[in-house]
Each structure stands twice: as structure tokens, then as C-alpha cells.
């Protein structure tokens, strides 16, 4: 049988709830990034961009990856006209949030425009 002290037993539901609150996609990133923004400094912490310039006769999507490079696995897709949140860059790759559930990943900046810092 497993024994936990009273304080540990009391804290266990909170620890489990916090672990469940972390999106699975955040845990799957090979190169994680922070989306935390201190109060009253939001404009300096993140921005927004629009996916644009994808060839309509091509595959029709911009791959979202687990890290800033094409060698990282694809975890999602965005399309022309989609809005994404931006959280910084490494070279030409942007850390983004995308989709209705604000999943996290990396996308190449060649196809991100109308940046709002």
C-alpha cells in the first residue's frame, strides 16, 4: 500500500488539476516557448499575424511543427486567412498559437503577414 502524509494527500487534487490544465500540445513541443505575459505588458509579450501567400494550387496549408525547423514533426496545419498568435521567433520561424483551442507550435514566417506586435 502507498502512504502519503496528510498535507500531501490534501495537495494531490490540486496537483492533478494543474497537470490536467496543461494542454497536451504544449507537452509535445520539442522546442517549448513561453506564452506567459506579466500583467500590464501584453503588447510587448505577444502579437498576431495572418497566414497568407500559400499557393492555392499547392498543398494548401502551412505546417505547424514541434520546433523551429522543417526537421521537426508536423503537429497541425493553418491555411490562408487564418489568424495566429505570435510569441517570438528563432530565425525565420515563429512561435505561434493557432486554432480554436489555441494549440502551440512553430510556423515559418515566410507565410505570416499583417503582423501586429
PDB file of N, CA and C in Angstrom:
ATOM      1  N   UNK A   1       0.839  -1.183   0.000  1.00  0.00           N
ATOM      2  CA  UNK A   1       0.000   0.000   0.000  1.00  0.00           C
ATOM      3  C   UNK A   1       0.881   1.243   0.000  1.00  0.00           C
ATOM      4  N   UNK A   2       0.402   2.282  -0.638  1.00  0.00           N
ATOM      5  CA  UNK A   2       1.131   3.542  -0.769  1.00  0.00           C
ATOM      6  C   UNK A   2       0.639   4.512   0.300  1.00  0.00           C
ATOM      7  N   UNK A   3       1.555   5.129   1.025  1.00  0.00           N
ATOM      8  CA  UNK A   3       1.190   6.045   2.105  1.00  0.00           C
ATOM      9  C   UNK A   3       1.621   7.461   1.749  1.00  0.00           C
ATOM     10  N   UNK A   4       0.725   8.423   1.901  1.00  0.00           N
ATOM     11  CA  UNK A   4       1.028   9.840   1.722  1.00  0.00           C
ATOM     12  C   UNK A   4       0.719  10.575   3.018  1.00  0.00           C
ATOM     13  N   UNK A   5       1.602  11.480   3.436  1.00  0.00           N
ATOM     14  CA  UNK A   5       1.286  12.311   4.598  1.00  0.00           C
ATOM     15  C   UNK A   5       0.030  13.142   4.339  1.00  0.00           C
ATOM     16  N   UNK A   6      -0.610  13.590   5.398  1.00  0.00           N
ATOM     17  CA  UNK A   6      -1.871  14.328   5.288  1.00  0.00           C
ATOM     18  C   UNK A   6      -1.748  15.538   4.362  1.00  0.00           C
ATOM     19  N   UNK A   7      -0.675  16.330   4.481  1.00  0.00           N
ATOM     20  CA  UNK A   7      -0.513  17.524   3.624  1.00  0.00           C
ATOM     21  C   UNK A   7      -0.383  17.132   2.160  1.00  0.00           C
ATOM     22  N   UNK A   8       0.333  16.059   1.892  1.00  0.00           N
ATOM     23  CA  UNK A   8       0.485  15.608   0.507  1.00  0.00           C
ATOM     24  C   UNK A   8      -0.857  15.146  -0.050  1.00  0.00           C
ATOM     25  N   UNK A   9      -1.640  14.434   0.773  1.00  0.00           N
ATOM     26  CA  UNK A   9      -2.969  13.996   0.323  1.00  0.00           C
ATOM     27  C   UNK A   9      -3.855  15.198   0.027  1.00  0.00           C
ATOM     28  N   UNK A  10      -3.758  16.241   0.836  1.00  0.00           N
ATOM     29  CA  UNK A  10      -4.575  17.440   0.633  1.00  0.00           C
ATOM     30  C   UNK A  10      -4.176  18.169  -0.644  1.00  0.00           C
ATOM     31  N   UNK A  11      -2.905  18.140  -0.992  1.00  0.00           N
ATOM     32  CA  UNK A  11      -2.418  18.857  -2.170  1.00  0.00           C
ATOM     33  C   UNK A  11      -2.589  18.057  -3.452  1.00  0.00           C
ATOM     34  N   UNK A  12      -2.820  16.753  -3.350  1.00  0.00           N
ATOM     35  CA  UNK A  12      -2.894  15.902  -4.533  1.00  0.00           C
ATOM     36  C   UNK A  12      -3.973  16.334  -5.528  1.00  0.00           C
ATOM     37  N   UNK A  13      -5.220  16.633  -5.116  1.00  0.00           N
ATOM     38  CA  UNK A  13      -6.218  17.065  -6.108  1.00  0.00           C
ATOM     39  C   UNK A  13      -5.790  18.322  -6.872  1.00  0.00           C
ATOM     40  N   UNK A  14      -5.165  19.275  -6.185  1.00  0.00           N
ATOM     41  CA  UNK A  14      -4.700  20.486  -6.857  1.00  0.00           C
ATOM     42  C   UNK A  14      -3.609  20.146  -7.861  1.00  0.00           C
ATOM     43  N   UNK A  15      -2.670  19.308  -7.487  1.00  0.00           N
ATOM     44  CA  UNK A  15      -1.586  18.930  -8.396  1.00  0.00           C
ATOM     45  C   UNK A  15      -2.132  18.223  -9.626  1.00  0.00           C
ATOM     46  N   UNK A  16      -3.099  17.338  -9.448  1.00  0.00           N
ATOM     47  CA  UNK A  16      -3.695  16.641 -10.585  1.00  0.00           C
ATOM     48  C   UNK A  16      -4.458  17.606 -11.487  1.00  0.00           C
ATOM     49  N   UNK A  17      -5.173  18.555 -10.903  1.00  0.00           N
ATOM     50  CA  UNK A  17      -5.910  19.540 -11.695  1.00  0.00           C
ATOM     51  C   UNK A  17      -4.966  20.410 -12.505  1.00  0.00           C
ATOM     52  N   UNK A  18      -3.864  20.829 -11.903  1.00  0.00           N
ATOM     53  CA  UNK A  18      -2.899  21.658 -12.629  1.00  0.00           C
ATOM     54  C   UNK A  18      -2.249  20.875 -13.754  1.00  0.00           C
ATOM     55  N   UNK A  19      -1.935  19.626 -13.531  1.00  0.00           N
ATOM     56  CA  UNK A  19      -1.335  18.800 -14.583  1.00  0.00           C
ATOM     57  C   UNK A  19      -2.303  18.625 -15.738  1.00  0.00           C
ATOM     58  N   UNK A  20      -3.582  18.470 -15.445  1.00  0.00           N
ATOM     59  CA  UNK A  20      -4.583  18.310 -16.491  1.00  0.00           C
ATOM     60  C   UNK A  20      -4.818  19.604 -17.249  1.00  0.00           C
ATOM     61  N   UNK A  21      -4.529  20.750 -16.642  1.00  0.00           N
ATOM     62  CA  UNK A  21      -4.772  22.046 -17.285  1.00  0.00           C
ATOM     63  C   UNK A  21      -3.737  22.367 -18.349  1.00  0.00           C
ATOM     64  N   UNK A  22      -2.600  21.680 -18.355  1.00  0.00           N
ATOM     65  CA  UNK A  22      -1.574  21.940 -19.360  1.00  0.00           C
ATOM     66  C   UNK A  22      -1.997  21.264 -20.650  1.00  0.00           C
ATOM     67  N   UNK A  23      -2.146  22.008 -21.753  1.00  0.00           N
ATOM     68  CA  UNK A  23      -2.569  21.391 -22.998  1.00  0.00           C
ATOM     69  C   UNK A  23      -1.571  20.331 -23.437  1.00  0.00           C
ATOM     70  N   UNK A  24      -2.090  19.242 -23.996  1.00  0.00           N
ATOM     71  CA  UNK A  24      -1.213  18.159 -24.452  1.00  0.00           C
ATOM     72  C   UNK A  24      -0.241  18.660 -25.508  1.00  0.00           C
ATOM     73  N   UNK A  25      -0.679  19.608 -26.350  1.00  0.00           N
ATOM     74  CA  UNK A  25       0.206  20.095 -27.398  1.00  0.00           C
ATOM     75  C   UNK A  25       1.415  20.818 -26.821  1.00  0.00           C
ATOM     76  N   UNK A  26       1.245  21.495 -25.697  1.00  0.00           N
ATOM     77  CA  UNK A  26       2.382  22.177 -25.085  1.00  0.00           C
ATOM     78  C   UNK A  26       3.415  21.166 -24.633  1.00  0.00           C
ATOM     79  N   UNK A  27       2.966  20.011 -24.186  1.00  0.00           N
ATOM     80  CA  UNK A  27       3.874  18.978 -23.733  1.00  0.00           C
ATOM     81  C   UNK A  27       4.558  18.281 -24.899  1.00  0.00           C
ATOM     82  N   UNK A  28       4.040  18.394 -26.107  1.00  0.00           N
ATOM     83  CA  UNK A  28       4.582  17.700 -27.260  1.00  0.00           C
ATOM     84  C   UNK A  28       5.612  18.523 -28.023  1.00  0.00           C
ATOM     85  N   UNK A  29       5.826  19.762 -27.660  1.00  0.00           N
ATOM     86  CA  UNK A  29       6.779  20.588 -28.389  1.00  0.00           C
ATOM     87  C   UNK A  29       8.204  20.134 -28.098  1.00  0.00           C
ATOM     88  N   UNK A  30       8.997  19.991 -29.153  1.00  0.00           N
ATOM     89  CA  UNK A  30      10.416  19.686 -28.981  1.00  0.00           C
ATOM     90  C   UNK A  30      11.178  20.919 -28.522  1.00  0.00           C
ATOM     91  N   UNK A  31      10.718  22.097 -28.960  1.00  0.00           N
ATOM     92  CA  UNK A  31      11.321  23.366 -28.547  1.00  0.00           C
ATOM     93  C   UNK A  31      10.198  24.206 -27.944  1.00  0.00           C
ATOM     94  N   UNK A  32       9.984  24.096 -26.631  1.00  0.00           N
ATOM     95  CA  UNK A  32       8.897  24.840 -25.996  1.00  0.00           C
ATOM     96  C   UNK A  32       9.190  26.332 -25.919  1.00  0.00           C
ATOM     97  N   UNK A  33       8.133  27.107 -25.749  1.00  0.00           N
ATOM     98  CA  UNK A  33       8.260  28.551 -25.574  1.00  0.00           C
ATOM     99  C   UNK A  33       7.215  29.000 -24.576  1.00  0.00           C
ATOM    100  N   UNK A  34       7.431  30.165 -24.023  1.00  0.00           N
ATOM    101  CA  UNK A  34       6.528  30.684 -23.004  1.00  0.00           C
ATOM    102  C   UNK A  34       5.458  31.569 -23.628  1.00  0.00           C
ATOM    103  N   UNK A  35       4.240  31.407 -23.141  1.00  0.00           N
ATOM    104  CA  UNK A  35       3.155  32.306 -23.525  1.00  0.00           C
ATOM    105  C   UNK A  35       2.781  33.207 -22.352  1.00  0.00           C
ATOM    106  N   UNK A  36       3.559  33.133 -21.273  1.00  0.00           N
ATOM    107  CA  UNK A  36       3.290  33.961 -20.094  1.00  0.00           C
ATOM    108  C   UNK A  36       3.607  35.418 -20.392  1.00  0.00           C
ATOM    109  N   UNK A  37       2.731  36.277 -19.935  1.00  0.00           N
ATOM    110  CA  UNK A  37       2.936  37.705 -20.096  1.00  0.00           C
ATOM    111  C   UNK A  37       2.602  38.385 -18.773  1.00  0.00           C
ATOM    112  N   UNK A  38       3.565  39.077 -18.172  1.00  0.00           N
ATOM    113  CA  UNK A  38       3.273  39.759 -16.911  1.00  0.00           C
ATOM    114  C   UNK A  38       2.141  40.771 -17.090  1.00  0.00           C
ATOM    115  N   UNK A  39       1.370  41.014 -16.053  1.00  0.00           N
ATOM    116  CA  UNK A  39       0.279  41.989 -16.145  1.00  0.00           C
ATOM    117  C   UNK A  39       0.775  43.346 -16.656  1.00  0.00           C
ATOM    118  N   UNK A  40      -0.068  44.005 -17.441  1.00  0.00           N
ATOM    119  CA  UNK A  40       0.195  45.346 -17.983  1.00  0.00           C
ATOM    120  C   UNK A  40       1.355  45.398 -18.962  1.00  0.00           C
ATOM    121  N   UNK A  41       1.743  44.274 -19.553  1.00  0.00           N
ATOM    122  CA  UNK A  41       2.824  44.311 -20.545  1.00  0.00           C
ATOM    123  C   UNK A  41       2.484  43.461 -21.760  1.00  0.00           C
ATOM    124  N   UNK A  42       1.213  43.249 -22.024  1.00  0.00           N
ATOM    125  CA  UNK A  42       0.788  42.345 -23.084  1.00  0.00           C
ATOM    126  C   UNK A  42       1.284  42.751 -24.461  1.00  0.00           C
ATOM    127  N   UNK A  43       1.323  44.017 -24.766  1.00  0.00           N
ATOM    128  CA  UNK A  43       1.735  44.446 -26.098  1.00  0.00           C
ATOM    129  C   UNK A  43       3.172  44.045 -26.396  1.00  0.00           C
ATOM    130  N   UNK A  44       4.013  43.985 -25.383  1.00  0.00           N
ATOM    131  CA  UNK A  44       5.410  43.634 -25.589  1.00  0.00           C
ATOM    132  C   UNK A  44       5.634  42.128 -25.587  1.00  0.00           C
ATOM    133  N   UNK A  45       4.652  41.342 -25.161  1.00  0.00           N
ATOM    134  CA  UNK A  45       4.841  39.899 -24.987  1.00  0.00           C
ATOM    135  C   UNK A  45       4.416  39.072 -26.190  1.00  0.00           C
ATOM    136  N   UNK A  46       3.382  39.483 -26.865  1.00  0.00           N
ATOM    137  CA  UNK A  46       2.900  38.677 -27.983  1.00  0.00           C
ATOM    138  C   UNK A  46       2.227  39.560 -29.010  1.00  0.00           C
ATOM    139  N   UNK A  47       1.986  38.981 -30.169  1.00  0.00           N
ATOM    140  CA  UNK A  47       1.342  39.709 -31.243  1.00  0.00           C
ATOM    141  C   UNK A  47       0.407  38.791 -32.002  1.00  0.00           C
ATOM    142  N   UNK A  48       0.101  39.173 -33.224  1.00  0.00           N
ATOM    143  CA  UNK A  48      -0.774  38.377 -34.072  1.00  0.00           C
ATOM    144  C   UNK A  48      -0.305  38.513 -35.509  1.00  0.00           C
ATOM    145  N   UNK A  49      -0.656  37.541 -36.317  1.00  0.00           N
ATOM    146  CA  UNK A  49      -0.311  37.565 -37.736  1.00  0.00           C
ATOM    147  C   UNK A  49      -1.386  36.798 -38.500  1.00  0.00           C
ATOM    148  N   UNK A  50      -1.390  36.988 -39.822  1.00  0.00           N
ATOM    149  CA  UNK A  50      -2.316  36.292 -40.704  1.00  0.00           C
ATOM    150  C   UNK A  50      -1.523  35.385 -41.625  1.00  0.00           C
ATOM    151  N   UNK A  51      -2.009  34.158 -41.808  1.00  0.00           N
ATOM    152  CA  UNK A  51      -1.390  33.240 -42.767  1.00  0.00           C
ATOM    153  C   UNK A  51      -1.760  33.732 -44.156  1.00  0.00           C
ATOM    154  N   UNK A  52      -0.747  33.921 -45.021  1.00  0.00           N
ATOM    155  CA  UNK A  52      -1.005  34.419 -46.373  1.00  0.00           C
ATOM    156  C   UNK A  52       0.098  33.988 -47.322  1.00  0.00           C
ATOM    157  N   UNK A  53      -0.215  34.012 -48.604  1.00  0.00           N
ATOM    158  CA  UNK A  53       0.775  33.731 -49.634  1.00  0.00           C
ATOM    159  C   UNK A  53       0.940  32.267 -49.990  1.00  0.00           C
ATOM    160  N   UNK A  54       0.129  31.395 -49.406  1.00  0.00           N
ATOM    161  CA  UNK A  54       0.226  29.977 -49.754  1.00  0.00           C
ATOM    162  C   UNK A  54      -0.337  29.756 -51.150  1.00  0.00           C
ATOM    163  N   UNK A  55       0.296  28.908 -51.922  1.00  0.00           N
ATOM    164  CA  UNK A  55      -0.132  28.613 -53.289  1.00  0.00           C
ATOM    165  C   UNK A  55      -1.451  27.840 -53.251  1.00  0.00           C
ATOM    166  N   UNK A  56      -2.528  28.404 -53.812  1.00  0.00           N
ATOM    167  CA  UNK A  56      -3.812  27.699 -53.794  1.00  0.00           C
ATOM    168  C   UNK A  56      -3.773  26.400 -54.597  1.00  0.00           C
ATOM    169  N   UNK A  57      -2.806  26.279 -55.509  1.00  0.00           N
ATOM    170  CA  UNK A  57      -2.667  25.052 -56.288  1.00  0.00           C
ATOM    171  C   UNK A  57      -1.675  24.084 -55.651  1.00  0.00           C
ATOM    172  N   UNK A  58      -1.093  24.482 -54.531  1.00  0.00           N
ATOM    173  CA  UNK A  58      -0.156  23.614 -53.814  1.00  0.00           C
ATOM    174  C   UNK A  58      -0.904  22.749 -52.817  1.00  0.00           C
ATOM    175  N   UNK A  59      -0.240  22.418 -51.712  1.00  0.00           N
ATOM    176  CA  UNK A  59      -0.895  21.569 -50.715  1.00  0.00           C
ATOM    177  C   UNK A  59      -1.921  22.340 -49.887  1.00  0.00           C
ATOM    178  N   UNK A  60      -1.909  23.684 -49.958  1.00  0.00           N
ATOM    179  CA  UNK A  60      -2.963  24.485 -49.351  1.00  0.00           C
ATOM    180  C   UNK A  60      -2.847  24.735 -47.864  1.00  0.00           C
ATOM    181  N   UNK A  61      -1.730  24.378 -47.250  1.00  0.00           N
ATOM    182  CA  UNK A  61      -1.596  24.616 -45.821  1.00  0.00           C
ATOM    183  C   UNK A  61      -0.160  24.954 -45.473  1.00  0.00           C
ATOM    184  N   UNK A  62      -0.007  25.590 -44.318  1.00  0.00           N
ATOM    185  CA  UNK A  62       1.300  25.853 -43.726  1.00  0.00           C
ATOM    186  C   UNK A  62       1.430  24.902 -42.545  1.00  0.00           C
ATOM    187  N   UNK A  63       2.485  24.096 -42.553  1.00  0.00           N
ATOM    188  CA  UNK A  63       2.697  23.117 -41.486  1.00  0.00           C
ATOM    189  C   UNK A  63       3.079  23.819 -40.187  1.00  0.00           C
ATOM    190  N   UNK A  64       2.479  23.378 -39.099  1.00  0.00           N
ATOM    191  CA  UNK A  64       2.861  23.817 -37.759  1.00  0.00           C
ATOM    192  C   UNK A  64       3.662  22.669 -37.158  1.00  0.00           C
ATOM    193  N   UNK A  65       4.837  22.990 -36.627  1.00  0.00           N
ATOM    194  CA  UNK A  65       5.777  21.952 -36.185  1.00  0.00           C
ATOM    195  C   UNK A  65       6.099  22.073 -34.700  1.00  0.00           C
ATOM    196  N   UNK A  66       6.763  21.046 -34.168  1.00  0.00           N
ATOM    197  CA  UNK A  66       7.112  21.000 -32.745  1.00  0.00           C
ATOM    198  C   UNK A  66       8.348  21.818 -32.413  1.00  0.00           C
ATOM    199  N   UNK A  67       9.007  22.358 -33.418  1.00  0.00           N
ATOM    200  CA  UNK A  67      10.198  23.166 -33.210  1.00  0.00           C
ATOM    201  C   UNK A  67      10.444  24.046 -34.418  1.00  0.00           C
ATOM    202  N   UNK A  68      11.410  24.955 -34.323  1.00  0.00           N
ATOM    203  CA  UNK A  68      11.675  25.928 -35.392  1.00  0.00           C
ATOM    204  C   UNK A  68      12.543  25.362 -36.512  1.00  0.00           C
ATOM    205  N   UNK A  69      11.977  24.460 -37.297  1.00  0.00           N
ATOM    206  CA  UNK A  69      12.696  23.896 -38.433  1.00  0.00           C
ATOM    207  C   UNK A  69      11.884  22.793 -39.082  1.00  0.00           C
ATOM    208  N   UNK A  70      12.128  22.562 -40.374  1.00  0.00           N
ATOM    209  CA  UNK A  70      11.369  21.539 -41.098  1.00  0.00           C
ATOM    210  C   UNK A  70      11.734  20.126 -40.661  1.00  0.00           C
ATOM    211  N   UNK A  71      12.810  19.972 -39.897  1.00  0.00           N
ATOM    212  CA  UNK A  71      13.184  18.646 -39.404  1.00  0.00           C
ATOM    213  C   UNK A  71      12.299  18.190 -38.239  1.00  0.00           C
ATOM    214  N   UNK A  72      11.527  19.105 -37.656  1.00  0.00           N
ATOM    215  CA  UNK A  72      10.655  18.757 -36.533  1.00  0.00           C
ATOM    216  C   UNK A  72       9.323  18.215 -37.053  1.00  0.00           C
ATOM    217  N   UNK A  73       8.682  17.316 -36.301  1.00  0.00           N
ATOM    218  CA  UNK A  73       7.409  16.739 -36.742  1.00  0.00           C
ATOM    219  C   UNK A  73       6.299  17.785 -36.865  1.00  0.00           C
ATOM    220  N   UNK A  74       5.411  17.553 -37.838  1.00  0.00           N
ATOM    221  CA  UNK A  74       4.250  18.412 -38.026  1.00  0.00           C
ATOM    222  C   UNK A  74       3.168  18.009 -37.025  1.00  0.00           C
ATOM    223  N   UNK A  75       2.577  19.004 -36.357  1.00  0.00           N
ATOM    224  CA  UNK A  75       1.520  18.737 -35.378  1.00  0.00           C
ATOM    225  C   UNK A  75       0.204  19.425 -35.735  1.00  0.00           C
ATOM    226  N   UNK A  76       0.208  20.198 -36.809  1.00  0.00           N
ATOM    227  CA  UNK A  76      -1.015  20.890 -37.194  1.00  0.00           C
ATOM    228  C   UNK A  76      -0.836  21.606 -38.517  1.00  0.00           C
ATOM    229  N   UNK A  77      -1.930  22.209 -38.976  1.00  0.00           N
ATOM    230  CA  UNK A  77      -1.931  22.943 -40.241  1.00  0.00           C
ATOM    231  C   UNK A  77      -2.717  24.235 -40.064  1.00  0.00           C
ATOM    232  N   UNK A  78      -2.253  25.290 -40.728  1.00  0.00           N
ATOM    233  CA  UNK A  78      -3.012  26.535 -40.824  1.00  0.00           C
ATOM    234  C   UNK A  78      -3.138  26.881 -42.302  1.00  0.00           C
ATOM    235  N   UNK A  79      -4.123  27.697 -42.629  1.00  0.00           N
ATOM    236  CA  UNK A  79      -4.445  27.993 -44.027  1.00  0.00           C
ATOM    237  C   UNK A  79      -4.491  29.495 -44.277  1.00  0.00           C
ATOM    238  N   UNK A  80      -4.450  29.883 -45.563  1.00  0.00           N
ATOM    239  CA  UNK A  80      -4.566  31.293 -45.929  1.00  0.00           C
ATOM    240  C   UNK A  80      -5.751  31.921 -45.201  1.00  0.00           C
ATOM    241  N   UNK A  81      -5.512  33.074 -44.592  1.00  0.00           N
ATOM    242  CA  UNK A  81      -6.560  33.804 -43.890  1.00  0.00           C
ATOM    243  C   UNK A  81      -6.667  33.488 -42.413  1.00  0.00           C
ATOM    244  N   UNK A  82      -6.063  32.389 -41.957  1.00  0.00           N
ATOM    245  CA  UNK A  82      -6.105  32.063 -40.527  1.00  0.00           C
ATOM    246  C   UNK A  82      -5.295  33.084 -39.739  1.00  0.00           C
ATOM    247  N   UNK A  83      -5.817  33.473 -38.568  1.00  0.00           N
ATOM    248  CA  UNK A  83      -5.083  34.358 -37.648  1.00  0.00           C
ATOM    249  C   UNK A  83      -4.385  33.492 -36.615  1.00  0.00           C
ATOM    250  N   UNK A  84      -3.157  33.854 -36.286  1.00  0.00           N
ATOM    251  CA  UNK A  84      -2.389  33.129 -35.272  1.00  0.00           C
ATOM    252  C   UNK A  84      -1.821  34.132 -34.276  1.00  0.00           C
ATOM    253  N   UNK A  85      -1.623  33.684 -33.052  1.00  0.00           N
ATOM    254  CA  UNK A  85      -0.900  34.482 -32.067  1.00  0.00           C
ATOM    255  C   UNK A  85       0.586  34.238 -32.254  1.00  0.00           C
ATOM    256  N   UNK A  86       1.410  35.252 -32.050  1.00  0.00           N
ATOM    257  CA  UNK A  86       2.864  35.094 -32.181  1.00  0.00           C
ATOM    258  C   UNK A  86       3.535  35.430 -30.853  1.00  0.00           C
ATOM    259  N   UNK A  87       4.577  34.653 -30.529  1.00  0.00           N
ATOM    260  CA  UNK A  87       5.243  34.780 -29.225  1.00  0.00           C
ATOM    261  C   UNK A  87       6.751  34.892 -29.358  1.00  0.00           C
ATOM    262  N   UNK A  88       7.229  35.347 -30.479  1.00  0.00           N
ATOM    263  CA  UNK A  88       8.667  35.462 -30.677  1.00  0.00           C
ATOM    264  C   UNK A  88       9.107  34.603 -31.845  1.00  0.00           C
ATOM    265  N   UNK A  89      10.396  34.675 -32.152  1.00  0.00           N
ATOM    266  CA  UNK A  89      10.910  33.956 -33.317  1.00  0.00           C
ATOM    267  C   UNK A  89      12.312  33.430 -33.049  1.00  0.00           C
ATOM    268  N   UNK A  90      12.644  32.403 -33.790  1.00  0.00           N
ATOM    269  CA  UNK A  90      14.012  31.888 -33.869  1.00  0.00           C
ATOM    270  C   UNK A  90      14.335  31.820 -35.346  1.00  0.00           C
ATOM    271  N   UNK A  91      15.170  32.750 -35.784  1.00  0.00           N
ATOM    272  CA  UNK A  91      15.426  32.843 -37.220  1.00  0.00           C
ATOM    273  C   UNK A  91      14.121  33.161 -37.922  1.00  0.00           C
ATOM    274  N   UNK A  92      13.817  32.461 -39.022  1.00  0.00           N
ATOM    275  CA  UNK A  92      12.580  32.743 -39.750  1.00  0.00           C
ATOM    276  C   UNK A  92      11.347  32.032 -39.185  1.00  0.00           C
ATOM    277  N   UNK A  93      11.502  31.287 -38.105  1.00  0.00           N
ATOM    278  CA  UNK A  93      10.396  30.520 -37.529  1.00  0.00           C
ATOM    279  C   UNK A  93       9.760  31.266 -36.356  1.00  0.00           C
ATOM    280  N   UNK A  94       8.409  31.294 -36.347  1.00  0.00           N
ATOM    281  CA  UNK A  94       7.661  31.974 -35.295  1.00  0.00           C
ATOM    282  C   UNK A  94       7.002  30.962 -34.361  1.00  0.00           C
ATOM    283  N   UNK A  95       7.081  31.241 -33.065  1.00  0.00           N
ATOM    284  CA  UNK A  95       6.322  30.501 -32.063  1.00  0.00           C
ATOM    285  C   UNK A  95       4.894  31.025 -32.146  1.00  0.00           C
ATOM    286  N   UNK A  96       3.921  30.130 -32.339  1.00  0.00           N
ATOM    287  CA  UNK A  96       2.542  30.573 -32.558  1.00  0.00           C
ATOM    288  C   UNK A  96       1.553  29.797 -31.690  1.00  0.00           C
ATOM    289  N   UNK A  97       0.375  30.398 -31.538  1.00  0.00           N
ATOM    290  CA  UNK A  97      -0.810  29.683 -31.061  1.00  0.00           C
ATOM    291  C   UNK A  97      -1.795  29.714 -32.225  1.00  0.00           C
ATOM    292  N   UNK A  98      -2.533  28.625 -32.394  1.00  0.00           N
ATOM    293  CA  UNK A  98      -3.419  28.530 -33.560  1.00  0.00           C
ATOM    294  C   UNK A  98      -4.627  27.664 -33.226  1.00  0.00           C
ATOM    295  N   UNK A  99      -5.655  27.826 -34.044  1.00  0.00           N
ATOM    296  CA  UNK A  99      -6.861  27.024 -33.885  1.00  0.00           C
ATOM    297  C   UNK A  99      -7.771  27.537 -32.786  1.00  0.00           C
ATOM    298  N   UNK A 100      -8.965  26.985 -32.766  1.00  0.00           N
ATOM    299  CA  UNK A 100      -9.967  27.397 -31.782  1.00  0.00           C
ATOM    300  C   UNK A 100      -9.541  27.074 -30.358  1.00  0.00           C
ATOM    301  N   UNK A 101      -8.680  26.060 -30.208  1.00  0.00           N
ATOM    302  CA  UNK A 101      -8.240  25.659 -28.868  1.00  0.00           C
ATOM    303  C   UNK A 101      -6.858  26.205 -28.522  1.00  0.00           C
ATOM    304  N   UNK A 102      -6.366  27.169 -29.312  1.00  0.00           N
ATOM    305  CA  UNK A 102      -5.072  27.823 -29.053  1.00  0.00           C
ATOM    306  C   UNK A 102      -3.939  26.828 -28.837  1.00  0.00           C
ATOM    307  N   UNK A 103      -3.819  25.881 -29.755  1.00  0.00           N
ATOM    308  CA  UNK A 103      -2.697  24.945 -29.706  1.00  0.00           C
ATOM    309  C   UNK A 103      -1.413  25.719 -29.955  1.00  0.00           C
ATOM    310  N   UNK A 104      -0.290  25.166 -29.529  1.00  0.00           N
ATOM    311  CA  UNK A 104       1.003  25.825 -29.674  1.00  0.00           C
ATOM    312  C   UNK A 104       1.876  25.079 -30.660  1.00  0.00           C
ATOM    313  N   UNK A 105       2.711  25.833 -31.392  1.00  0.00           N
ATOM    314  CA  UNK A 105       3.645  25.225 -32.327  1.00  0.00           C
ATOM    315  C   UNK A 105       4.517  26.281 -32.979  1.00  0.00           C
ATOM    316  N   UNK A 106       5.230  25.854 -34.001  1.00  0.00           N
ATOM    317  CA  UNK A 106       6.146  26.727 -34.741  1.00  0.00           C
ATOM    318  C   UNK A 106       5.769  26.730 -36.220  1.00  0.00           C
ATOM    319  N   UNK A 107       5.792  27.914 -36.858  1.00  0.00           N
ATOM    320  CA  UNK A 107       5.474  28.045 -38.281  1.00  0.00           C
ATOM    321  C   UNK A 107       6.488  28.970 -38.942  1.00  0.00           C
ATOM    322  N   UNK A 108       6.780  28.704 -40.209  1.00  0.00           N
ATOM    323  CA  UNK A 108       7.746  29.524 -40.944  1.00  0.00           C
ATOM    324  C   UNK A 108       7.147  30.893 -41.247  1.00  0.00           C
ATOM    325  N   UNK A 109       7.923  31.932 -41.011  1.00  0.00           N
ATOM    326  CA  UNK A 109       7.457  33.304 -41.156  1.00  0.00           C
ATOM    327  C   UNK A 109       7.248  33.780 -42.579  1.00  0.00           C
ATOM    328  N   UNK A 110       7.720  33.025 -43.587  1.00  0.00           N
ATOM    329  CA  UNK A 110       7.509  33.453 -44.975  1.00  0.00           C
ATOM    330  C   UNK A 110       6.029  33.583 -45.310  1.00  0.00           C
ATOM    331  N   UNK A 111       5.184  32.855 -44.602  1.00  0.00           N
ATOM    332  CA  UNK A 111       3.759  32.851 -44.901  1.00  0.00           C
ATOM    333  C   UNK A 111       2.928  33.472 -43.786  1.00  0.00           C
ATOM    334  N   UNK A 112       3.572  34.299 -42.978  1.00  0.00           N
ATOM    335  CA  UNK A 112       2.852  35.043 -41.942  1.00  0.00           C
ATOM    336  C   UNK A 112       2.997  36.528 -42.245  1.00  0.00           C
ATOM    337  N   UNK A 113       1.886  37.228 -42.370  1.00  0.00           N
ATOM    338  CA  UNK A 113       1.927  38.654 -42.685  1.00  0.00           C
ATOM    339  C   UNK A 113       0.956  39.428 -41.813  1.00  0.00           C
ATOM    340  N   UNK A 114       0.831  40.727 -42.106  1.00  0.00           N
ATOM    341  CA  UNK A 114      -0.035  41.617 -41.326  1.00  0.00           C
ATOM    342  C   UNK A 114       0.249  41.488 -39.836  1.00  0.00           C
ATOM    343  N   UNK A 115       1.522  41.509 -39.498  1.00  0.00           N
ATOM    344  CA  UNK A 115       1.928  41.356 -38.097  1.00  0.00           C
ATOM    345  C   UNK A 115       1.442  42.528 -37.254  1.00  0.00           C
ATOM    346  N   UNK A 116       0.899  42.208 -36.105  1.00  0.00           N
ATOM    347  CA  UNK A 116       0.538  43.204 -35.101  1.00  0.00           C
ATOM    348  C   UNK A 116       1.385  42.874 -33.883  1.00  0.00           C
ATOM    349  N   UNK A 117       2.366  43.714 -33.578  1.00  0.00           N
ATOM    350  CA  UNK A 117       3.247  43.389 -32.443  1.00  0.00           C
ATOM    351  C   UNK A 117       2.540  43.493 -31.106  1.00  0.00           C
TER     352      UNK A 117
END
